[in-house]
Amino acid sequence: MDSVNSQQPELSIDELFQGTTFLPDSEPERFLKLQEQVEKNRYTMFVALYAELSKLFAADSALNLFFKQALDIILSPPSVRAKLIAHPVFQIWNILTFRDVNYLLTGKTLDDAEVKARLLEFAQVLQRIEASQDAQVDEQYPPVYRFDVDPLITQVTPPSYDYPPDEQTRRQLERAGYSKAFFKDVMQLALLRIKHTWPACHEQWQVLVKAVCYLPDGSFRSCSASRYTGVILLSSRDNSILDMEESLVHEATHQLLYNIVEVAAVVEPHASKEALYSLPWSGQQRDLYGYFHAFYVYIALVKYLERVQARPAEEMRRAEQRMLFILRGLSKALADFETAPCFTAQGRELLGNLMQEVHRLERRHAGLLSRGEGASTVAAPLHLTA
């Protein structure tokens, strides 16, 4: 799926959000346009960062290599720089450095050592990214990591996951659970099932998920966070291949929403961060943005599970029960979102489109829903955003 340089006319941000959910069954061109805008925003951020750093450190000869490499990236053709800018390690470096420069400019710190250290490590960051991309030529996509993941990723995963710093603990943990090679095989099987069940979902997944961290000792079933966009964390808590399919679709949909929010916020900055809402699926408390994330992801999961077919009878039964459990929770959530404040214009448009999707799903499965809740109220372990 080519996400850059399409020949479609440019849309305003409002037009981009109009009448769409960006989910795999929506207009494909909107997803492509979304990816173009994400790339443009990340590139613009890097250019702005370069400009500020030039004002601060252009006279420092120790940083000449950084400025040369950064300028080469800025001046390179879009088709050349796109893959680099989309790489999660590059994006993490960009965000952390932008944050540190902002601390300097706003007076939160007067020490520029942290920023200089990030600029000095830039060449090594580029080398690690190039090495990881070269390694992928002969391997299945996406790469799966355990403790061999890039150090910038390990720096930002807490509190989702704290990588043990010592080699002895890492070796001990690696002896527990299935091997990374076994996990990769199972994950590829689940991805093949996703491709067969919902090809458009698989296409989006391949664009959105850049790397997987296999962490069987994690306290979660699966996990994502915007501070390491493009990377998903998976433990060993799935009980079946169908469960893993759900986890993979679940986390890819979080990635999709992170991309959406990079283009336009869906919740106002002043919205309360207090956990005022109770999730219908688990009873866990969330703030408005966290609740919206769950609402968005669970709509995608219903759309996936309703497409599951030609599986063994027991698996079909479990897929149907899980779908109905999630859909009933979505129906309960509608009342909360009808009156929810603090959505931006784009967020309100997206929310309205999603609520229409829930009503369509309710109508499509009215017969199944009318049977009563029964066994379908059994909840699978929930996933985390952190």
Protein backbone atom coordinates (compact mmCIF):
# COMPACT_ATOMS: atom_id res chain seq x y z
CA MET A 1 0.00 0.00 0.00
CA ASP A 2 1.74 3.18 -1.20
CA SER A 3 1.06 5.91 1.34
CA VAL A 4 2.93 8.75 -0.33
CA ASN A 5 2.80 10.80 -3.51
CA SER A 6 -0.71 9.82 -4.57
CA GLN A 7 -2.24 11.72 -7.45
CA GLN A 8 -5.43 12.57 -5.59
CA PRO A 9 -6.18 16.27 -4.92
CA GLU A 10 -5.04 17.60 -1.56
CA LEU A 11 -7.71 17.69 1.14
CA SER A 12 -8.06 20.12 4.00
CA ILE A 13 -7.95 18.59 7.48
CA ASP A 14 -11.72 19.02 7.83
CA GLU A 15 -12.29 17.36 4.45
CA LEU A 16 -9.95 14.52 5.41
CA PHE A 17 -12.14 13.64 8.41
CA GLN A 18 -15.50 14.20 6.75
CA GLY A 19 -17.65 11.07 6.54
CA THR A 20 -14.90 8.57 7.35
CA THR A 21 -13.59 6.42 10.20
CA PHE A 22 -10.25 5.55 8.51
CA LEU A 23 -10.94 1.91 9.41
CA PRO A 24 -10.15 -0.74 6.76
CA ASP A 25 -13.71 -0.81 5.40
CA SER A 26 -13.82 2.94 4.85
CA GLU A 27 -12.68 4.78 1.74
CA PRO A 28 -9.08 3.56 1.11
CA GLU A 29 -7.97 6.91 -0.28
CA ARG A 30 -8.60 8.55 3.10
CA PHE A 31 -6.13 6.21 4.78
CA LEU A 32 -3.56 6.99 2.08
CA LYS A 33 -4.13 10.71 2.55
CA LEU A 34 -3.81 10.28 6.30
CA GLN A 35 -0.42 8.59 5.84
CA GLU A 36 0.73 11.39 3.54
CA GLN A 37 -0.22 13.98 6.15
CA VAL A 38 1.53 12.06 8.93
CA GLU A 39 4.70 11.92 6.85
CA LYS A 40 4.45 15.61 6.02
CA ASN A 41 3.96 16.54 9.69
CA ARG A 42 6.94 14.45 10.83
CA TYR A 43 9.15 15.91 8.11
CA THR A 44 8.07 19.45 9.03
CA MET A 45 8.85 18.72 12.68
CA PHE A 46 12.35 17.53 11.78
CA VAL A 47 12.98 20.63 9.62
CA ALA A 48 11.80 22.90 12.43
CA LEU A 49 14.04 21.05 14.87
CA TYR A 50 17.01 21.45 12.51
CA ALA A 51 16.35 25.18 12.26
CA GLU A 52 16.30 25.65 16.04
CA LEU A 53 19.41 23.52 16.51
CA SER A 54 21.23 25.59 13.88
CA LYS A 55 20.53 28.72 15.90
CA LEU A 56 21.77 27.08 19.09
CA PHE A 57 24.78 25.03 18.00
CA ALA A 58 25.86 25.89 14.43
CA ALA A 59 29.22 27.17 15.70
CA ASP A 60 30.00 23.93 17.56
CA SER A 61 32.38 22.01 15.29
CA ALA A 62 31.81 18.80 17.29
CA LEU A 63 28.30 18.71 15.84
CA ASN A 64 29.27 19.17 12.19
CA LEU A 65 28.48 15.56 11.33
CA PHE A 66 24.97 15.88 12.75
CA PHE A 67 24.22 19.01 10.73
CA LYS A 68 25.58 17.44 7.55
CA GLN A 69 23.55 14.22 7.96
CA ALA A 70 20.40 16.09 8.98
CA LEU A 71 20.65 18.43 5.99
CA ASP A 72 21.18 15.47 3.66
CA ILE A 73 17.92 13.98 4.95
CA ILE A 74 16.06 17.26 4.57
CA LEU A 75 17.24 17.76 0.98
CA SER A 76 16.72 14.14 -0.09
CA PRO A 77 13.77 13.27 -2.38
CA PRO A 78 10.54 12.37 -0.52
CA SER A 79 10.69 8.81 -1.84
CA VAL A 80 14.15 8.40 -0.28
CA ARG A 81 13.50 9.96 3.13
CA ALA A 82 9.98 8.54 3.64
CA LYS A 83 11.09 5.15 4.97
CA LEU A 84 13.58 6.72 7.36
CA ILE A 85 11.13 9.26 8.75
CA ALA A 86 8.52 6.54 9.24
CA HIS A 87 10.92 4.36 11.23
CA PRO A 88 9.90 4.27 14.92
CA VAL A 89 13.49 4.72 16.15
CA PHE A 90 13.89 7.88 14.05
CA GLN A 91 10.55 9.17 15.30
CA ILE A 92 11.47 8.49 18.95
CA TRP A 93 14.78 10.34 18.49
CA ASN A 94 12.96 13.23 16.81
CA ILE A 95 10.39 13.55 19.61
CA LEU A 96 12.89 13.24 22.47
CA THR A 97 15.26 15.78 20.91
CA PHE A 98 12.40 18.18 20.17
CA ARG A 99 11.33 17.89 23.81
CA ASP A 100 14.84 18.57 25.11
CA VAL A 101 15.29 21.58 22.83
CA ASN A 102 11.94 22.92 24.02
CA TYR A 103 13.15 22.62 27.62
CA LEU A 104 16.15 24.76 26.70
CA LEU A 105 14.12 27.39 24.85
CA THR A 106 11.53 27.71 27.63
CA GLY A 107 14.07 27.85 30.43
CA LYS A 108 13.05 24.58 32.04
CA THR A 109 16.73 23.70 31.91
CA LEU A 110 19.87 25.75 31.30
CA ASP A 111 22.05 22.71 30.65
CA ASP A 112 22.44 21.87 26.97
CA ALA A 113 24.41 18.65 27.60
CA GLU A 114 21.38 16.41 27.05
CA VAL A 115 20.63 17.96 23.66
CA LYS A 116 24.26 17.76 22.56
CA ALA A 117 24.39 14.11 23.58
CA ARG A 118 21.37 13.37 21.38
CA LEU A 119 22.96 15.15 18.42
CA LEU A 120 26.21 13.27 18.90
CA GLU A 121 24.35 9.94 18.92
CA PHE A 122 22.45 10.76 15.70
CA ALA A 123 25.00 9.06 13.44
CA GLN A 124 24.74 5.86 15.49
CA VAL A 125 20.95 6.06 15.39
CA LEU A 126 21.05 6.25 11.60
CA GLN A 127 23.46 3.30 11.47
CA ARG A 128 21.18 1.18 13.65
CA ILE A 129 18.16 2.06 11.52
CA GLU A 130 20.04 1.17 8.32
CA ALA A 131 21.20 -2.13 9.83
CA SER A 132 17.67 -3.03 10.90
CA GLN A 133 16.30 -2.22 7.44
CA ASP A 134 19.03 -4.26 5.75
CA ALA A 135 18.26 -7.21 8.04
CA GLN A 136 14.62 -7.12 7.00
CA VAL A 137 15.44 -7.80 3.35
CA ASP A 138 15.78 -11.52 4.05
CA GLU A 139 13.34 -11.80 6.96
CA GLN A 140 9.58 -11.80 7.41
CA TYR A 141 7.92 -8.47 8.12
CA PRO A 142 7.60 -7.00 10.68
CA PRO A 143 10.73 -7.62 12.75
CA VAL A 144 10.18 -9.28 16.13
CA TYR A 145 12.45 -8.31 19.00
CA ARG A 146 13.03 -9.51 22.53
CA PHE A 147 16.00 -7.92 24.27
CA ASP A 148 17.72 -7.15 20.96
CA VAL A 149 15.44 -4.14 20.42
CA ASP A 150 16.89 -0.68 19.77
CA PRO A 151 17.98 1.14 22.96
CA LEU A 152 15.83 4.17 22.11
CA ILE A 153 12.76 1.93 22.20
CA THR A 154 13.75 0.49 25.58
CA GLN A 155 14.18 4.05 26.83
CA VAL A 156 10.55 4.99 26.19
CA THR A 157 8.64 1.76 26.91
CA PRO A 158 8.33 2.34 30.70
CA PRO A 159 5.88 2.18 32.37
CA SER A 160 4.46 -0.22 29.77
CA TYR A 161 7.50 -2.45 30.23
CA ASP A 162 10.82 -2.00 32.01
CA TYR A 163 13.61 -3.76 30.15
CA PRO A 164 16.01 -5.35 32.65
CA PRO A 165 19.39 -3.62 32.42
CA ASP A 166 21.58 -6.60 33.31
CA GLU A 167 22.42 -9.47 30.99
CA GLN A 168 21.90 -12.15 33.67
CA THR A 169 18.24 -11.19 34.20
CA ARG A 170 17.67 -11.06 30.46
CA ARG A 171 19.11 -14.55 29.94
CA GLN A 172 16.98 -15.88 32.77
CA LEU A 173 13.82 -14.36 31.26
CA GLU A 174 14.67 -15.73 27.82
CA ARG A 175 14.62 -19.24 29.23
CA ALA A 176 10.96 -18.78 30.22
CA GLY A 177 8.07 -19.06 27.77
CA TYR A 178 8.22 -19.88 24.09
CA SER A 179 11.25 -18.87 22.06
CA LYS A 180 11.15 -15.78 19.86
CA ALA A 181 11.41 -18.00 16.76
CA PHE A 182 8.33 -19.99 17.82
CA PHE A 183 6.41 -16.81 18.61
CA LYS A 184 7.26 -15.37 15.16
CA ASP A 185 5.87 -18.49 13.47
CA VAL A 186 2.63 -18.28 15.44
CA MET A 187 2.31 -14.55 14.77
CA GLN A 188 2.81 -15.08 11.04
CA LEU A 189 0.06 -17.71 11.09
CA ALA A 190 -2.26 -15.23 12.80
CA LEU A 191 -1.36 -12.57 10.23
CA LEU A 192 -2.13 -14.98 7.38
CA ARG A 193 -5.54 -15.57 8.96
CA ILE A 194 -6.09 -11.81 9.17
CA LYS A 195 -5.11 -11.46 5.51
CA HIS A 196 -7.62 -14.16 4.55
CA THR A 197 -10.38 -12.84 6.82
CA TRP A 198 -10.09 -9.11 6.08
CA PRO A 199 -7.49 -8.27 3.40
CA ALA A 200 -7.87 -4.50 3.82
CA CYS A 201 -7.18 -4.83 7.54
CA HIS A 202 -4.01 -6.77 6.81
CA GLU A 203 -2.90 -4.07 4.35
CA GLN A 204 -3.32 -1.38 6.98
CA TRP A 205 -1.56 -3.54 9.56
CA GLN A 206 1.50 -3.84 7.32
CA VAL A 207 1.69 -0.05 7.06
CA LEU A 208 1.02 0.80 10.70
CA VAL A 209 3.04 -1.80 12.60
CA LYS A 210 6.79 -1.38 12.10
CA ALA A 211 8.05 -3.68 14.86
CA VAL A 212 6.82 -6.17 17.45
CA CYS A 213 8.38 -6.71 20.87
CA TYR A 214 7.75 -10.18 22.26
CA LEU A 215 7.70 -9.86 26.06
CA PRO A 216 6.17 -12.99 27.63
CA ASP A 217 6.81 -11.65 31.13
CA GLY A 218 4.81 -8.48 30.44
CA SER A 219 1.92 -7.59 32.72
CA PHE A 220 -0.34 -7.05 29.71
CA ARG A 221 -1.85 -9.15 26.94
CA SER A 222 -0.80 -6.55 24.39
CA CYS A 223 0.20 -2.92 24.68
CA SER A 224 0.78 0.26 22.70
CA ALA A 225 1.63 3.88 23.45
CA SER A 226 1.97 7.00 21.32
CA ARG A 227 5.49 7.61 22.66
CA TYR A 228 6.65 4.59 20.65
CA THR A 229 4.24 4.75 17.71
CA GLY A 230 4.79 1.96 15.22
CA VAL A 231 5.90 -0.55 17.86
CA ILE A 232 3.53 -2.98 19.60
CA LEU A 233 4.25 -5.08 22.67
CA LEU A 234 2.88 -8.62 22.91
CA SER A 235 3.10 -11.04 25.83
CA SER A 236 2.18 -14.73 25.87
CA ARG A 237 -1.34 -14.35 27.29
CA ASP A 238 -3.33 -15.20 24.18
CA ASN A 239 -5.09 -18.53 24.61
CA SER A 240 -5.60 -19.32 20.91
CA ILE A 241 -4.71 -18.18 17.40
CA LEU A 242 -8.04 -16.35 17.31
CA ASP A 243 -7.00 -14.47 20.46
CA MET A 244 -3.74 -13.48 18.79
CA GLU A 245 -5.62 -12.28 15.72
CA GLU A 246 -7.66 -10.07 18.02
CA SER A 247 -4.53 -8.76 19.75
CA LEU A 248 -2.88 -7.91 16.42
CA VAL A 249 -5.96 -6.13 15.06
CA HIS A 250 -6.44 -4.40 18.42
CA GLU A 251 -2.93 -2.94 18.50
CA ALA A 252 -2.92 -1.96 14.83
CA THR A 253 -6.10 0.03 15.44
CA HIS A 254 -4.42 1.88 18.32
CA GLN A 255 -1.62 2.69 15.86
CA LEU A 256 -4.18 4.01 13.40
CA LEU A 257 -5.65 6.32 16.03
CA TYR A 258 -2.18 7.55 17.00
CA ASN A 259 -1.67 8.49 13.34
CA ILE A 260 -5.03 10.26 13.28
CA VAL A 261 -4.12 12.28 16.38
CA GLU A 262 -0.77 13.25 14.82
CA VAL A 263 -2.80 14.96 12.10
CA ALA A 264 -5.52 16.49 14.30
CA ALA A 265 -6.33 16.17 17.98
CA VAL A 266 -9.67 14.49 18.66
CA VAL A 267 -10.00 15.72 22.26
CA GLU A 268 -9.43 19.29 23.42
CA PRO A 269 -6.15 19.90 25.29
CA HIS A 270 -8.08 21.14 28.34
CA ALA A 271 -10.18 17.96 28.58
CA SER A 272 -10.06 16.37 32.01
CA LYS A 273 -7.40 13.70 32.52
CA GLU A 274 -9.43 12.29 35.39
CA ALA A 275 -10.68 8.72 34.94
CA LEU A 276 -14.38 9.61 34.93
CA TYR A 277 -15.63 6.84 32.65
CA SER A 278 -16.13 3.14 33.33
CA LEU A 279 -15.37 0.86 30.36
CA PRO A 280 -18.47 -1.28 29.58
CA TRP A 281 -16.26 -4.28 28.76
CA SER A 282 -14.21 -4.46 31.96
CA GLY A 283 -15.35 -1.83 34.43
CA GLN A 284 -11.89 -0.25 34.34
CA GLN A 285 -11.78 3.53 34.68
CA ARG A 286 -10.54 5.78 31.88
CA ASP A 287 -10.43 9.45 30.98
CA LEU A 288 -12.29 10.65 27.88
CA TYR A 289 -9.38 10.10 25.51
CA GLY A 290 -8.70 6.60 26.85
CA TYR A 291 -12.39 5.74 26.58
CA PHE A 292 -12.45 6.98 22.99
CA HIS A 293 -9.42 4.81 22.18
CA ALA A 294 -11.26 1.75 23.50
CA PHE A 295 -14.44 2.68 21.61
CA TYR A 296 -12.51 3.05 18.35
CA VAL A 297 -10.58 -0.20 18.76
CA TYR A 298 -13.61 -2.27 19.72
CA ILE A 299 -15.55 -1.13 16.66
CA ALA A 300 -12.67 -2.46 14.55
CA LEU A 301 -12.73 -5.75 16.48
CA VAL A 302 -16.44 -6.29 15.89
CA LYS A 303 -15.88 -5.63 12.20
CA TYR A 304 -13.10 -8.20 12.21
CA LEU A 305 -14.87 -10.89 14.21
CA GLU A 306 -18.02 -10.66 12.10
CA ARG A 307 -15.88 -11.57 9.07
CA VAL A 308 -14.46 -14.72 10.65
CA GLN A 309 -15.77 -17.72 8.73
CA ALA A 310 -14.93 -21.27 7.61
CA ARG A 311 -13.32 -22.05 10.96
CA PRO A 312 -13.96 -25.07 13.23
CA ALA A 313 -17.35 -24.94 14.96
CA GLU A 314 -15.94 -24.20 18.42
CA GLU A 315 -13.83 -21.35 17.10
CA MET A 316 -16.80 -19.90 15.22
CA ARG A 317 -18.82 -20.03 18.43
CA ARG A 318 -16.12 -18.20 20.37
CA ALA A 319 -15.76 -15.56 17.65
CA GLU A 320 -19.50 -14.92 17.68
CA GLN A 321 -19.68 -14.74 21.47
CA ARG A 322 -16.75 -12.35 21.63
CA MET A 323 -18.23 -10.18 18.89
CA LEU A 324 -21.58 -9.95 20.69
CA PHE A 325 -19.92 -9.16 24.02
CA ILE A 326 -17.95 -6.30 22.45
CA LEU A 327 -20.94 -5.02 20.49
CA ARG A 328 -23.13 -4.90 23.59
CA GLY A 329 -20.45 -2.83 25.27
CA LEU A 330 -20.34 -0.47 22.30
CA SER A 331 -24.11 -0.04 22.53
CA LYS A 332 -23.80 0.91 26.20
CA ALA A 333 -21.00 3.35 25.39
CA LEU A 334 -23.17 5.31 22.95
CA ALA A 335 -25.02 7.08 25.76
CA ASP A 336 -21.74 8.27 27.28
CA PHE A 337 -20.45 9.66 24.00
CA GLU A 338 -23.78 11.30 23.10
CA THR A 339 -23.20 13.79 25.92
CA ALA A 340 -19.39 13.75 26.14
CA PRO A 341 -17.83 17.22 26.04
CA CYS A 342 -14.41 18.42 24.92
CA PHE A 343 -14.14 16.88 21.45
CA THR A 344 -12.47 18.97 18.76
CA ALA A 345 -14.28 19.62 15.48
CA GLN A 346 -12.39 16.74 13.84
CA GLY A 347 -12.91 14.55 16.89
CA ARG A 348 -16.65 15.24 16.89
CA GLU A 349 -16.85 14.36 13.18
CA LEU A 350 -14.93 11.12 13.74
CA LEU A 351 -17.04 10.26 16.79
CA GLY A 352 -20.27 10.85 14.88
CA ASN A 353 -19.11 8.60 12.06
CA LEU A 354 -18.15 5.88 14.55
CA MET A 355 -21.49 6.09 16.33
CA GLN A 356 -23.23 5.59 13.00
CA GLU A 357 -21.10 2.50 12.50
CA VAL A 358 -22.22 1.11 15.86
CA HIS A 359 -25.87 1.61 14.86
CA ARG A 360 -25.20 -0.23 11.59
CA LEU A 361 -23.58 -3.09 13.48
CA GLU A 362 -26.53 -3.25 15.88
CA ARG A 363 -28.95 -3.51 12.96
CA ARG A 364 -26.83 -6.09 11.17
CA HIS A 365 -26.65 -8.35 14.22
CA ALA A 366 -30.05 -7.58 15.73
CA GLY A 367 -31.10 -11.22 15.56
CA LEU A 368 -28.07 -12.44 17.47
CA LEU A 369 -28.31 -9.61 19.98
CA SER A 370 -31.95 -10.44 20.69
CA ARG A 371 -31.02 -13.89 22.01
CA GLY A 372 -29.85 -12.39 25.30
CA GLU A 373 -26.35 -12.05 26.67
CA GLY A 374 -25.73 -15.54 28.05
CA ALA A 375 -22.22 -16.85 27.62
CA SER A 376 -21.20 -13.95 25.41
CA THR A 377 -20.73 -11.78 28.48
CA VAL A 378 -17.48 -13.61 29.27
CA ALA A 379 -14.66 -11.13 28.75
CA ALA A 380 -11.24 -11.94 27.39
CA PRO A 381 -8.27 -10.25 29.08
CA LEU A 382 -8.08 -6.62 28.09
CA HIS A 383 -5.24 -4.81 26.41
CA LEU A 384 -3.37 -1.71 27.51
CA THR A 385 -2.45 1.66 26.19
CA ALA A 386 0.18 3.30 28.32
